[in-house]
Amino acid sequence: MFRFSLVTPEKKIVTDIELEDLVVPSFRGELNILPGHSPLMTTLSTGILKYKAKGENKYSEAVISWGYCEVSPAGVNVLAETAESLEEIDKERAQEALEEAKKRLTDPSLEADQIHKFQRKLDRARARLSVIN
């Protein structure tokens, strides 16, 4: 077992619970963290964070948008730009965000920073819809 916390600048999603398993969307792909994992610090991308609490049979999920993950002997801390649990996700709003991001990305006059912004919005909307479905 290891301790886990997931926070954003605005709220605490999970605070100091014991986990058996954690899967985070790291910058270079999914990273599975189990008890005894080597210490590390990594950046996270937009995606689905999955965790299994001590004594639970199924994983809980949250959609995160960018952040950092620190693994240490004391536990795992995730600081995400945004994070939403399944209960917080509005399917209709996520679908609208997906369509809007797709539409905006077809604009040939977008600059690189705008393309990056709307790509992240597209990724977040897809992750939200994936968790709901």
N, C-alpha and C. Protein backbone atom coordinates (compact mmCIF):
# COMPACT_ATOMS: atom_id res chain seq x y z
N MET A 1 0.83 -1.19 0.00
CA MET A 1 0.00 0.00 0.00
C MET A 1 0.87 1.25 0.00
N PHE A 2 0.32 2.32 -0.53
CA PHE A 2 1.01 3.61 -0.48
C PHE A 2 -0.03 4.72 -0.37
N ARG A 3 0.38 5.86 0.16
CA ARG A 3 -0.50 7.02 0.34
C ARG A 3 -0.61 7.78 -0.98
N PHE A 4 -1.77 8.39 -1.24
CA PHE A 4 -2.02 9.10 -2.49
C PHE A 4 -2.85 10.34 -2.24
N SER A 5 -2.48 11.42 -2.93
CA SER A 5 -3.26 12.65 -2.92
C SER A 5 -3.33 13.20 -4.34
N LEU A 6 -4.50 13.71 -4.71
CA LEU A 6 -4.72 14.35 -6.02
C LEU A 6 -5.34 15.70 -5.75
N VAL A 7 -4.63 16.77 -6.12
CA VAL A 7 -5.11 18.12 -5.89
C VAL A 7 -4.94 18.97 -7.13
N THR A 8 -5.74 20.04 -7.19
CA THR A 8 -5.60 21.07 -8.23
C THR A 8 -5.40 22.39 -7.48
N PRO A 9 -5.11 23.46 -8.18
CA PRO A 9 -5.00 24.74 -7.49
C PRO A 9 -6.31 25.17 -6.81
N GLU A 10 -7.44 24.65 -7.27
CA GLU A 10 -8.73 25.05 -6.71
C GLU A 10 -9.34 24.08 -5.70
N LYS A 11 -8.98 22.79 -5.77
CA LYS A 11 -9.67 21.83 -4.90
C LYS A 11 -8.84 20.58 -4.65
N LYS A 12 -9.27 19.85 -3.64
CA LYS A 12 -8.67 18.56 -3.32
C LYS A 12 -9.64 17.48 -3.79
N ILE A 13 -9.18 16.60 -4.66
CA ILE A 13 -10.02 15.52 -5.18
C ILE A 13 -9.89 14.31 -4.26
N VAL A 14 -8.67 13.91 -3.97
CA VAL A 14 -8.37 12.78 -3.11
C VAL A 14 -7.27 13.23 -2.16
N THR A 15 -7.44 12.96 -0.88
CA THR A 15 -6.44 13.40 0.08
C THR A 15 -5.99 12.25 0.96
N ASP A 16 -4.75 11.87 0.83
CA ASP A 16 -4.07 10.95 1.73
C ASP A 16 -4.84 9.64 1.97
N ILE A 17 -5.17 8.94 0.87
CA ILE A 17 -5.80 7.63 1.02
C ILE A 17 -4.78 6.54 0.69
N GLU A 18 -5.04 5.33 1.14
CA GLU A 18 -4.16 4.21 0.83
C GLU A 18 -4.60 3.55 -0.46
N LEU A 19 -3.63 3.34 -1.35
CA LEU A 19 -3.92 2.71 -2.65
C LEU A 19 -3.16 1.41 -2.80
N GLU A 20 -3.75 0.57 -3.65
CA GLU A 20 -3.08 -0.66 -4.08
C GLU A 20 -2.43 -0.46 -5.45
N ASP A 21 -3.02 0.43 -6.27
CA ASP A 21 -2.58 0.60 -7.65
C ASP A 21 -2.99 1.98 -8.15
N LEU A 22 -2.16 2.56 -9.01
CA LEU A 22 -2.42 3.87 -9.58
C LEU A 22 -1.91 3.88 -11.02
N VAL A 23 -2.72 4.41 -11.93
CA VAL A 23 -2.32 4.56 -13.34
C VAL A 23 -2.52 6.03 -13.69
N VAL A 24 -1.44 6.68 -14.13
CA VAL A 24 -1.50 8.09 -14.48
C VAL A 24 -1.14 8.28 -15.95
N PRO A 25 -1.75 9.30 -16.60
CA PRO A 25 -1.42 9.59 -17.99
C PRO A 25 -0.16 10.46 -18.05
N SER A 26 1.01 9.84 -18.07
CA SER A 26 2.24 10.62 -18.09
C SER A 26 2.47 11.19 -19.49
N PHE A 27 3.43 12.07 -19.56
CA PHE A 27 3.72 12.76 -20.82
C PHE A 27 4.07 11.80 -21.95
N ARG A 28 4.67 10.66 -21.62
CA ARG A 28 5.08 9.70 -22.64
C ARG A 28 4.26 8.42 -22.63
N GLY A 29 3.06 8.45 -22.06
CA GLY A 29 2.21 7.28 -22.02
C GLY A 29 1.78 6.96 -20.61
N GLU A 30 0.97 5.94 -20.46
CA GLU A 30 0.48 5.57 -19.13
C GLU A 30 1.61 5.05 -18.25
N LEU A 31 1.54 5.42 -16.99
CA LEU A 31 2.52 4.99 -16.01
C LEU A 31 1.76 4.28 -14.89
N ASN A 32 2.10 3.02 -14.63
CA ASN A 32 1.46 2.23 -13.58
C ASN A 32 2.35 2.28 -12.35
N ILE A 33 1.77 2.69 -11.23
CA ILE A 33 2.51 2.82 -9.98
C ILE A 33 1.95 1.83 -8.97
N LEU A 34 2.82 0.98 -8.48
CA LEU A 34 2.46 -0.04 -7.49
C LEU A 34 3.29 0.20 -6.23
N PRO A 35 2.91 -0.43 -5.10
CA PRO A 35 3.72 -0.27 -3.88
C PRO A 35 5.18 -0.62 -4.15
N GLY A 36 6.09 0.19 -3.58
CA GLY A 36 7.51 -0.04 -3.75
C GLY A 36 8.10 0.57 -5.00
N HIS A 37 7.32 1.36 -5.75
CA HIS A 37 7.80 1.99 -6.97
C HIS A 37 9.00 2.89 -6.66
N SER A 38 9.93 2.95 -7.56
CA SER A 38 11.10 3.83 -7.41
C SER A 38 10.67 5.29 -7.38
N PRO A 39 11.36 6.12 -6.62
CA PRO A 39 11.05 7.55 -6.60
C PRO A 39 11.21 8.16 -7.99
N LEU A 40 10.31 9.07 -8.33
CA LEU A 40 10.40 9.78 -9.60
C LEU A 40 9.54 11.02 -9.58
N MET A 41 9.79 11.88 -10.54
CA MET A 41 8.97 13.07 -10.77
C MET A 41 8.74 13.13 -12.26
N THR A 42 7.46 13.27 -12.68
CA THR A 42 7.16 13.31 -14.10
C THR A 42 6.04 14.29 -14.37
N THR A 43 5.98 14.77 -15.60
CA THR A 43 4.86 15.60 -16.02
C THR A 43 3.75 14.69 -16.52
N LEU A 44 2.53 15.18 -16.39
CA LEU A 44 1.36 14.42 -16.81
C LEU A 44 0.70 15.12 -17.99
N SER A 45 0.03 14.34 -18.80
CA SER A 45 -0.72 14.91 -19.92
C SER A 45 -2.21 14.80 -19.60
N THR A 46 -3.02 15.31 -20.48
CA THR A 46 -4.46 15.21 -20.32
C THR A 46 -4.87 13.76 -20.53
N GLY A 47 -5.71 13.25 -19.64
CA GLY A 47 -6.15 11.88 -19.76
C GLY A 47 -6.86 11.39 -18.52
N ILE A 48 -6.96 10.08 -18.42
CA ILE A 48 -7.70 9.44 -17.33
C ILE A 48 -6.73 8.89 -16.30
N LEU A 49 -6.90 9.32 -15.07
CA LEU A 49 -6.13 8.81 -13.94
C LEU A 49 -7.01 7.76 -13.26
N LYS A 50 -6.46 6.55 -13.02
CA LYS A 50 -7.23 5.47 -12.41
C LYS A 50 -6.52 5.04 -11.13
N TYR A 51 -7.31 4.80 -10.08
CA TYR A 51 -6.71 4.34 -8.83
C TYR A 51 -7.62 3.34 -8.13
N LYS A 52 -6.96 2.39 -7.47
CA LYS A 52 -7.71 1.37 -6.72
C LYS A 52 -7.33 1.53 -5.25
N ALA A 53 -8.32 1.92 -4.44
CA ALA A 53 -8.10 2.13 -3.01
C ALA A 53 -7.97 0.78 -2.30
N LYS A 54 -7.31 0.82 -1.17
CA LYS A 54 -7.12 -0.37 -0.35
C LYS A 54 -8.47 -1.02 -0.05
N GLY A 55 -8.57 -2.32 -0.33
CA GLY A 55 -9.78 -3.07 -0.05
C GLY A 55 -10.88 -2.96 -1.09
N GLU A 56 -10.68 -2.16 -2.12
CA GLU A 56 -11.68 -1.99 -3.18
C GLU A 56 -11.44 -3.00 -4.29
N ASN A 57 -12.51 -3.36 -4.99
CA ASN A 57 -12.40 -4.30 -6.11
C ASN A 57 -12.31 -3.61 -7.46
N LYS A 58 -12.76 -2.35 -7.53
CA LYS A 58 -12.75 -1.67 -8.82
C LYS A 58 -11.99 -0.35 -8.71
N TYR A 59 -11.61 0.15 -9.88
CA TYR A 59 -10.87 1.39 -9.97
C TYR A 59 -11.82 2.59 -9.94
N SER A 60 -11.38 3.66 -9.32
CA SER A 60 -12.04 4.96 -9.43
C SER A 60 -11.28 5.73 -10.50
N GLU A 61 -11.96 6.65 -11.16
CA GLU A 61 -11.33 7.39 -12.25
C GLU A 61 -11.55 8.89 -12.10
N ALA A 62 -10.61 9.63 -12.63
CA ALA A 62 -10.71 11.09 -12.70
C ALA A 62 -10.06 11.53 -14.01
N VAL A 63 -10.61 12.57 -14.60
CA VAL A 63 -10.03 13.14 -15.81
C VAL A 63 -9.15 14.30 -15.36
N ILE A 64 -7.89 14.27 -15.76
CA ILE A 64 -6.99 15.35 -15.40
C ILE A 64 -6.49 16.05 -16.66
N SER A 65 -6.10 17.29 -16.48
CA SER A 65 -5.55 18.06 -17.58
C SER A 65 -4.21 18.61 -17.13
N TRP A 66 -3.17 18.01 -17.62
CA TRP A 66 -1.80 18.40 -17.36
C TRP A 66 -1.48 18.40 -15.87
N GLY A 67 -0.22 18.30 -15.52
CA GLY A 67 0.18 18.37 -14.13
C GLY A 67 1.50 17.66 -13.87
N TYR A 68 1.72 17.39 -12.59
CA TYR A 68 2.94 16.72 -12.13
C TYR A 68 2.59 15.56 -11.23
N CYS A 69 3.43 14.54 -11.25
CA CYS A 69 3.28 13.39 -10.37
C CYS A 69 4.62 13.16 -9.68
N GLU A 70 4.58 13.08 -8.35
CA GLU A 70 5.78 12.82 -7.57
C GLU A 70 5.59 11.51 -6.82
N VAL A 71 6.50 10.58 -7.03
CA VAL A 71 6.50 9.31 -6.32
C VAL A 71 7.69 9.34 -5.36
N SER A 72 7.42 9.13 -4.08
CA SER A 72 8.48 9.13 -3.08
C SER A 72 8.19 8.01 -2.07
N PRO A 73 9.11 7.72 -1.18
CA PRO A 73 8.84 6.70 -0.16
C PRO A 73 7.62 7.05 0.71
N ALA A 74 7.29 8.34 0.81
CA ALA A 74 6.14 8.76 1.61
C ALA A 74 4.81 8.55 0.89
N GLY A 75 4.84 8.36 -0.43
CA GLY A 75 3.61 8.17 -1.19
C GLY A 75 3.66 8.85 -2.54
N VAL A 76 2.48 9.04 -3.13
CA VAL A 76 2.37 9.65 -4.45
C VAL A 76 1.48 10.88 -4.36
N ASN A 77 1.99 11.99 -4.90
CA ASN A 77 1.24 13.23 -4.95
C ASN A 77 1.08 13.64 -6.40
N VAL A 78 -0.16 13.97 -6.79
CA VAL A 78 -0.44 14.46 -8.13
C VAL A 78 -1.02 15.87 -8.00
N LEU A 79 -0.38 16.81 -8.67
CA LEU A 79 -0.88 18.18 -8.76
C LEU A 79 -1.28 18.38 -10.21
N ALA A 80 -2.58 18.52 -10.46
CA ALA A 80 -3.09 18.65 -11.82
C ALA A 80 -3.64 20.05 -12.05
N GLU A 81 -3.54 20.51 -13.28
CA GLU A 81 -4.10 21.81 -13.63
C GLU A 81 -5.62 21.81 -13.38
N THR A 82 -6.28 20.75 -13.87
CA THR A 82 -7.70 20.52 -13.58
C THR A 82 -7.90 19.04 -13.33
N ALA A 83 -8.91 18.71 -12.56
CA ALA A 83 -9.26 17.31 -12.32
C ALA A 83 -10.75 17.23 -12.04
N GLU A 84 -11.38 16.22 -12.62
CA GLU A 84 -12.81 16.01 -12.43
C GLU A 84 -13.07 14.54 -12.16
N SER A 85 -13.87 14.28 -11.14
CA SER A 85 -14.30 12.91 -10.90
C SER A 85 -15.47 12.61 -11.82
N LEU A 86 -15.82 11.34 -11.94
CA LEU A 86 -16.92 10.92 -12.81
C LEU A 86 -18.20 11.69 -12.50
N GLU A 87 -18.48 11.89 -11.22
CA GLU A 87 -19.71 12.58 -10.79
C GLU A 87 -19.76 14.04 -11.23
N GLU A 88 -18.61 14.65 -11.45
CA GLU A 88 -18.56 16.07 -11.81
C GLU A 88 -18.69 16.33 -13.31
N ILE A 89 -18.61 15.30 -14.12
CA ILE A 89 -18.59 15.48 -15.57
C ILE A 89 -20.00 15.56 -16.12
N ASP A 90 -20.25 16.61 -16.89
CA ASP A 90 -21.53 16.82 -17.56
C ASP A 90 -21.36 16.34 -19.01
N LYS A 91 -22.06 15.25 -19.35
CA LYS A 91 -21.89 14.64 -20.68
C LYS A 91 -22.23 15.60 -21.80
N GLU A 92 -23.32 16.34 -21.66
CA GLU A 92 -23.74 17.26 -22.72
C GLU A 92 -22.69 18.36 -22.91
N ARG A 93 -22.18 18.89 -21.82
CA ARG A 93 -21.15 19.92 -21.90
C ARG A 93 -19.87 19.38 -22.51
N ALA A 94 -19.50 18.16 -22.17
CA ALA A 94 -18.31 17.53 -22.74
C ALA A 94 -18.47 17.33 -24.25
N GLN A 95 -19.64 16.92 -24.68
CA GLN A 95 -19.89 16.73 -26.11
C GLN A 95 -19.82 18.06 -26.85
N GLU A 96 -20.39 19.11 -26.25
CA GLU A 96 -20.32 20.44 -26.87
C GLU A 96 -18.87 20.92 -26.97
N ALA A 97 -18.09 20.69 -25.91
CA ALA A 97 -16.68 21.10 -25.92
C ALA A 97 -15.91 20.35 -27.00
N LEU A 98 -16.21 19.07 -27.18
CA LEU A 98 -15.56 18.28 -28.22
C LEU A 98 -15.85 18.86 -29.60
N GLU A 99 -17.11 19.13 -29.88
CA GLU A 99 -17.50 19.67 -31.18
C GLU A 99 -16.88 21.05 -31.42
N GLU A 100 -16.87 21.89 -30.38
CA GLU A 100 -16.30 23.23 -30.51
C GLU A 100 -14.79 23.16 -30.79
N ALA A 101 -14.09 22.29 -30.08
CA ALA A 101 -12.65 22.15 -30.29
C ALA A 101 -12.35 21.63 -31.70
N LYS A 102 -13.12 20.64 -32.16
CA LYS A 102 -12.93 20.13 -33.52
C LYS A 102 -13.14 21.25 -34.55
N LYS A 103 -14.18 22.03 -34.34
CA LYS A 103 -14.50 23.12 -35.26
C LYS A 103 -13.37 24.15 -35.28
N ARG A 104 -12.90 24.54 -34.10
CA ARG A 104 -11.86 25.56 -34.01
C ARG A 104 -10.54 25.08 -34.63
N LEU A 105 -10.25 23.79 -34.51
CA LEU A 105 -8.99 23.26 -35.05
C LEU A 105 -8.97 23.22 -36.57
N THR A 106 -10.11 23.37 -37.21
CA THR A 106 -10.15 23.41 -38.68
C THR A 106 -9.87 24.80 -39.24
N ASP A 107 -9.77 25.80 -38.37
CA ASP A 107 -9.51 27.17 -38.79
C ASP A 107 -8.05 27.30 -39.26
N PRO A 108 -7.84 27.58 -40.55
CA PRO A 108 -6.46 27.65 -41.07
C PRO A 108 -5.66 28.84 -40.55
N SER A 109 -6.32 29.82 -39.94
CA SER A 109 -5.60 31.00 -39.46
C SER A 109 -5.09 30.86 -38.01
N LEU A 110 -5.30 29.70 -37.40
CA LEU A 110 -4.84 29.50 -36.02
C LEU A 110 -3.32 29.53 -35.95
N GLU A 111 -2.83 30.13 -34.88
CA GLU A 111 -1.39 30.13 -34.63
C GLU A 111 -1.04 28.95 -33.75
N ALA A 112 0.25 28.66 -33.62
CA ALA A 112 0.72 27.46 -32.92
C ALA A 112 0.18 27.37 -31.49
N ASP A 113 0.19 28.48 -30.75
CA ASP A 113 -0.29 28.43 -29.37
C ASP A 113 -1.80 28.16 -29.31
N GLN A 114 -2.54 28.67 -30.28
CA GLN A 114 -3.98 28.42 -30.33
C GLN A 114 -4.26 26.96 -30.70
N ILE A 115 -3.47 26.41 -31.60
CA ILE A 115 -3.62 24.99 -31.98
C ILE A 115 -3.40 24.13 -30.74
N HIS A 116 -2.35 24.43 -30.00
CA HIS A 116 -2.05 23.67 -28.77
C HIS A 116 -3.20 23.79 -27.77
N LYS A 117 -3.73 24.99 -27.60
CA LYS A 117 -4.84 25.22 -26.67
C LYS A 117 -6.06 24.38 -27.04
N PHE A 118 -6.45 24.41 -28.30
CA PHE A 118 -7.64 23.68 -28.72
C PHE A 118 -7.41 22.18 -28.80
N GLN A 119 -6.17 21.76 -29.05
CA GLN A 119 -5.86 20.33 -29.00
C GLN A 119 -6.03 19.81 -27.58
N ARG A 120 -5.59 20.58 -26.59
CA ARG A 120 -5.76 20.18 -25.19
C ARG A 120 -7.24 20.13 -24.82
N LYS A 121 -8.03 21.08 -25.32
CA LYS A 121 -9.47 21.06 -25.05
C LYS A 121 -10.12 19.83 -25.69
N LEU A 122 -9.66 19.49 -26.88
CA LEU A 122 -10.17 18.30 -27.57
C LEU A 122 -9.82 17.04 -26.77
N ASP A 123 -8.57 16.95 -26.33
CA ASP A 123 -8.14 15.79 -25.54
C ASP A 123 -8.93 15.66 -24.24
N ARG A 124 -9.16 16.78 -23.56
CA ARG A 124 -9.92 16.77 -22.31
C ARG A 124 -11.36 16.32 -22.55
N ALA A 125 -11.98 16.82 -23.59
CA ALA A 125 -13.36 16.43 -23.90
C ALA A 125 -13.44 14.94 -24.24
N ARG A 126 -12.49 14.44 -25.00
CA ARG A 126 -12.47 13.00 -25.32
C ARG A 126 -12.29 12.16 -24.06
N ALA A 127 -11.42 12.58 -23.17
CA ALA A 127 -11.21 11.84 -21.92
C ALA A 127 -12.48 11.84 -21.08
N ARG A 128 -13.15 13.00 -20.98
CA ARG A 128 -14.40 13.08 -20.22
C ARG A 128 -15.45 12.10 -20.78
N LEU A 129 -15.60 12.11 -22.09
CA LEU A 129 -16.59 11.24 -22.71
C LEU A 129 -16.21 9.77 -22.56
N SER A 130 -14.93 9.47 -22.61
CA SER A 130 -14.47 8.10 -22.42
C SER A 130 -14.80 7.59 -21.02
N VAL A 131 -14.60 8.42 -20.01
CA VAL A 131 -14.91 8.03 -18.63
C VAL A 131 -16.41 7.80 -18.45
N ILE A 132 -17.22 8.67 -19.05
CA ILE A 132 -18.68 8.54 -18.92
C ILE A 132 -19.18 7.27 -19.60
N ASN A 133 -18.63 6.98 -20.79
CA ASN A 133 -19.08 5.82 -21.55
C ASN A 133 -18.40 4.58 -21.05
